[in-house]
Amino acid sequence: MKIARSFLKASIVFLALIQGNAYSQFYDLVLEDMSINEYTAPFVAENSITASNFTVLGNGNVTFKAGNTITLLPGFSVREGALFHAYIDEGEILGKNNPVTFDGDIGNFPNPFNGKTTIRFSSQSTGRTSIKVLNTIGQEVETLFDMETKSNTEYQVVFDGQGMPPGIYFYKLAAPGFTIVKKMVLANP
């Protein structure tokens, strides 16, 4: 039996048990701490799927289908011999029919940090971009940036962790067609 955690649109946390080839559909689906070594019916979400500490082993065959985004956080892996498929917007395979790329750069310094860290990024394309800070279970802590960006332009935002508990956080850069998630460590606020 596998456990999946889903955060529904109304911010209601709903725990669902997914057994064998059960088919499940949610608005947003967060999958954590799972290992799959057999065929599993597709994980389907109307909006997004986020997976962390999720491993597809040996004969595992896993499919994610989401309306807008699929985010693979640190700890996601597909072992040799296993299969993983990701579909966005009615079945276009990522990397084939709907390539997702980020030609720019993103990083934060210092990391680990005490109090504040600066996140710098650039992109080769124009569009609405956001950077959100997430805790270790994928909940949004703060929105640092949410605006139109221009191609070939460098941006930077400062994350101030004062008043927050020390620990691991993630920052998620989302722009049309892609999402990037990176880890940062708040040592002392």
Protein backbone atom coordinates (compact mmCIF):
# COMPACT_ATOMS: atom_id res chain seq x y z
CA MET A 1 0.00 0.00 0.00
CA LYS A 2 1.35 3.44 -0.91
CA ILE A 3 0.42 6.74 0.70
CA ALA A 4 0.06 9.95 -1.30
CA ARG A 5 -0.54 13.38 0.22
CA SER A 6 -2.65 15.82 -1.75
CA PHE A 7 -3.26 19.48 -1.06
CA LEU A 8 -6.68 20.31 -2.47
CA LYS A 9 -7.70 23.64 -3.95
CA ALA A 10 -9.41 24.83 -0.75
CA SER A 11 -6.20 24.17 1.25
CA ILE A 12 -7.75 21.08 2.76
CA VAL A 13 -5.24 18.32 3.36
CA PHE A 14 -6.59 15.00 2.20
CA LEU A 15 -4.81 11.69 2.69
CA ALA A 16 -5.54 9.07 0.10
CA LEU A 17 -4.50 5.46 0.09
CA ILE A 18 -3.35 4.28 -3.30
CA GLN A 19 -3.30 0.52 -3.55
CA GLY A 20 -2.05 -1.59 -6.46
CA ASN A 21 -3.46 -0.20 -9.71
CA ALA A 22 -5.88 2.28 -8.14
CA TYR A 23 -6.58 5.36 -10.29
CA SER A 24 -6.61 8.67 -8.45
CA GLN A 25 -7.36 12.22 -9.59
CA PHE A 26 -6.84 15.43 -7.59
CA TYR A 27 -6.45 19.14 -8.25
CA ASP A 28 -2.88 19.24 -6.83
CA LEU A 29 -1.08 16.04 -5.91
CA VAL A 30 2.02 15.82 -3.68
CA LEU A 31 3.75 12.43 -3.55
CA GLU A 32 6.35 11.86 -0.83
CA ASP A 33 8.46 9.01 0.49
CA MET A 34 7.35 6.37 -2.01
CA SER A 35 9.11 3.46 -3.73
CA ILE A 36 7.36 1.70 -6.60
CA ASN A 37 8.62 -1.53 -8.17
CA GLU A 38 5.66 -2.57 -10.34
CA TYR A 39 3.21 -1.12 -12.84
CA THR A 40 1.02 1.55 -11.23
CA ALA A 41 -2.03 3.21 -12.79
CA PRO A 42 -1.29 6.85 -13.69
CA PHE A 43 -1.13 9.51 -11.00
CA VAL A 44 -3.43 12.23 -12.36
CA ALA A 45 -3.91 15.82 -11.20
CA GLU A 46 -5.97 18.56 -12.80
CA ASN A 47 -3.31 21.20 -12.02
CA SER A 48 0.04 19.92 -10.69
CA ILE A 49 2.02 16.97 -9.38
CA THR A 50 5.00 17.38 -7.04
CA ALA A 51 7.17 14.40 -6.08
CA SER A 52 9.94 14.23 -3.47
CA ASN A 53 11.82 11.23 -2.10
CA PHE A 54 10.04 9.21 -4.77
CA THR A 55 11.84 6.24 -6.36
CA VAL A 56 10.84 4.05 -9.30
CA LEU A 57 12.68 0.72 -8.91
CA GLY A 58 13.46 -2.33 -11.08
CA ASN A 59 10.25 -3.26 -12.92
CA GLY A 60 8.45 -0.09 -11.86
CA ASN A 61 6.38 1.72 -14.48
CA VAL A 62 5.00 5.08 -13.32
CA THR A 63 3.11 7.78 -15.22
CA PHE A 64 2.35 11.33 -14.07
CA LYS A 65 -0.37 13.33 -15.89
CA ALA A 66 -1.00 16.96 -14.90
CA GLY A 67 -2.77 19.93 -16.42
CA ASN A 68 -0.05 22.53 -15.77
CA THR A 69 3.12 21.43 -13.96
CA ILE A 70 5.05 18.40 -12.81
CA THR A 71 7.78 19.21 -10.28
CA LEU A 72 10.41 16.63 -9.33
CA LEU A 73 12.09 17.67 -6.08
CA PRO A 74 15.37 16.35 -4.64
CA GLY A 75 15.13 12.68 -3.85
CA PHE A 76 13.21 11.79 -7.02
CA SER A 77 14.91 8.99 -8.96
CA VAL A 78 14.29 6.35 -11.60
CA ARG A 79 16.55 3.32 -11.28
CA GLU A 80 17.95 1.27 -14.15
CA GLY A 81 15.30 -0.90 -15.78
CA ALA A 82 12.40 1.20 -14.48
CA LEU A 83 10.14 3.44 -16.60
CA PHE A 84 8.84 6.94 -15.87
CA HIS A 85 6.53 9.01 -18.09
CA ALA A 86 5.37 12.61 -17.56
CA TYR A 87 2.52 14.20 -19.51
CA ILE A 88 1.27 17.81 -19.47
CA ASP A 89 -1.84 19.22 -21.18
CA GLU A 90 -3.76 16.27 -22.58
CA GLY A 91 -0.94 13.87 -23.28
CA GLU A 92 2.01 15.74 -24.76
CA ILE A 93 5.16 13.99 -23.58
CA LEU A 94 7.67 16.25 -21.89
CA GLY A 95 10.89 16.45 -23.86
CA LYS A 96 9.31 15.26 -27.13
CA ASN A 97 6.19 17.14 -28.24
CA ASN A 98 6.41 19.87 -25.61
CA PRO A 99 10.07 20.40 -24.71
CA VAL A 100 10.70 22.07 -21.39
CA THR A 101 13.93 24.01 -21.24
CA PHE A 102 15.52 26.78 -19.23
CA ASP A 103 18.42 28.37 -21.08
CA GLY A 104 19.28 30.72 -18.25
CA ASP A 105 20.88 30.27 -14.86
CA ILE A 106 19.64 30.27 -11.26
CA GLY A 107 21.41 30.03 -7.92
CA ASN A 108 21.59 31.50 -4.45
CA PHE A 109 24.53 32.72 -2.41
CA PRO A 110 25.45 32.14 0.32
CA ASN A 111 24.08 28.64 0.83
CA PRO A 112 23.87 27.62 3.68
CA PHE A 113 23.05 31.10 4.93
CA ASN A 114 22.48 33.01 8.16
CA GLY A 115 19.53 35.37 7.89
CA LYS A 116 19.61 36.40 4.21
CA THR A 117 20.55 34.89 0.86
CA THR A 118 20.45 36.36 -2.65
CA ILE A 119 18.84 34.40 -5.47
CA ARG A 120 20.08 35.37 -8.95
CA PHE A 121 18.56 34.18 -12.20
CA SER A 122 18.42 34.94 -15.89
CA SER A 123 16.46 33.55 -18.80
CA GLN A 124 16.75 33.53 -22.56
CA SER A 125 12.98 34.00 -22.94
CA THR A 126 10.35 36.59 -21.98
CA GLY A 127 7.32 35.81 -19.80
CA ARG A 128 5.70 35.91 -16.37
CA THR A 129 8.08 34.41 -13.81
CA SER A 130 7.67 33.71 -10.12
CA ILE A 131 9.97 32.57 -7.35
CA LYS A 132 8.35 31.03 -4.29
CA VAL A 133 9.95 29.67 -1.13
CA LEU A 134 8.60 26.27 -0.01
CA ASN A 135 9.09 24.29 3.19
CA THR A 136 10.08 20.61 3.14
CA ILE A 137 6.49 19.43 2.61
CA GLY A 138 5.89 21.72 -0.35
CA GLN A 139 3.87 24.43 1.41
CA GLU A 140 4.46 27.97 0.19
CA VAL A 141 6.29 30.09 2.79
CA GLU A 142 6.75 33.28 0.77
CA THR A 143 6.53 34.68 -2.76
CA LEU A 144 9.76 36.51 -3.54
CA PHE A 145 9.16 37.46 -7.17
CA ASP A 146 6.12 37.49 -9.46
CA MET A 147 6.36 39.60 -12.62
CA GLU A 148 7.12 39.70 -16.33
CA THR A 149 10.79 39.08 -17.14
CA LYS A 150 12.76 40.08 -20.22
CA SER A 151 15.12 37.83 -22.14
CA ASN A 152 18.88 38.20 -21.61
CA THR A 153 18.33 40.10 -18.35
CA GLU A 154 19.73 39.15 -14.94
CA TYR A 155 17.49 39.44 -11.89
CA GLN A 156 18.14 39.04 -8.18
CA VAL A 157 15.91 38.80 -5.13
CA VAL A 158 16.79 38.56 -1.45
CA PHE A 159 15.23 35.98 0.84
CA ASP A 160 15.19 37.10 4.48
CA GLY A 161 14.82 34.09 6.77
CA GLN A 162 14.68 36.06 10.01
CA GLY A 163 11.90 34.79 12.24
CA MET A 164 11.81 31.42 10.47
CA PRO A 165 13.06 28.17 11.97
CA PRO A 166 16.45 26.96 10.73
CA GLY A 167 16.36 24.09 8.26
CA ILE A 168 15.98 23.11 4.63
CA TYR A 169 13.85 25.20 2.28
CA PHE A 170 13.30 25.09 -1.47
CA TYR A 171 12.87 27.93 -3.91
CA LYS A 172 10.81 27.29 -7.00
CA LEU A 173 11.23 29.35 -10.16
CA ALA A 174 8.19 28.97 -12.42
CA ALA A 175 7.93 30.46 -15.91
CA PRO A 176 5.89 29.53 -18.99
CA GLY A 177 6.80 25.97 -19.93
CA PHE A 178 9.12 25.08 -17.05
CA THR A 179 9.67 24.91 -13.31
CA ILE A 180 13.00 24.65 -11.50
CA VAL A 181 13.33 23.79 -7.81
CA LYS A 182 16.54 24.25 -5.82
CA LYS A 183 17.42 23.59 -2.19
CA MET A 184 18.75 26.16 0.29
CA VAL A 185 19.68 25.77 3.94
CA LEU A 186 18.86 28.37 6.59
CA ALA A 187 21.51 27.79 9.26
CA ASN A 188 20.70 30.58 11.74
CA PRO A 189 17.98 33.19 11.22
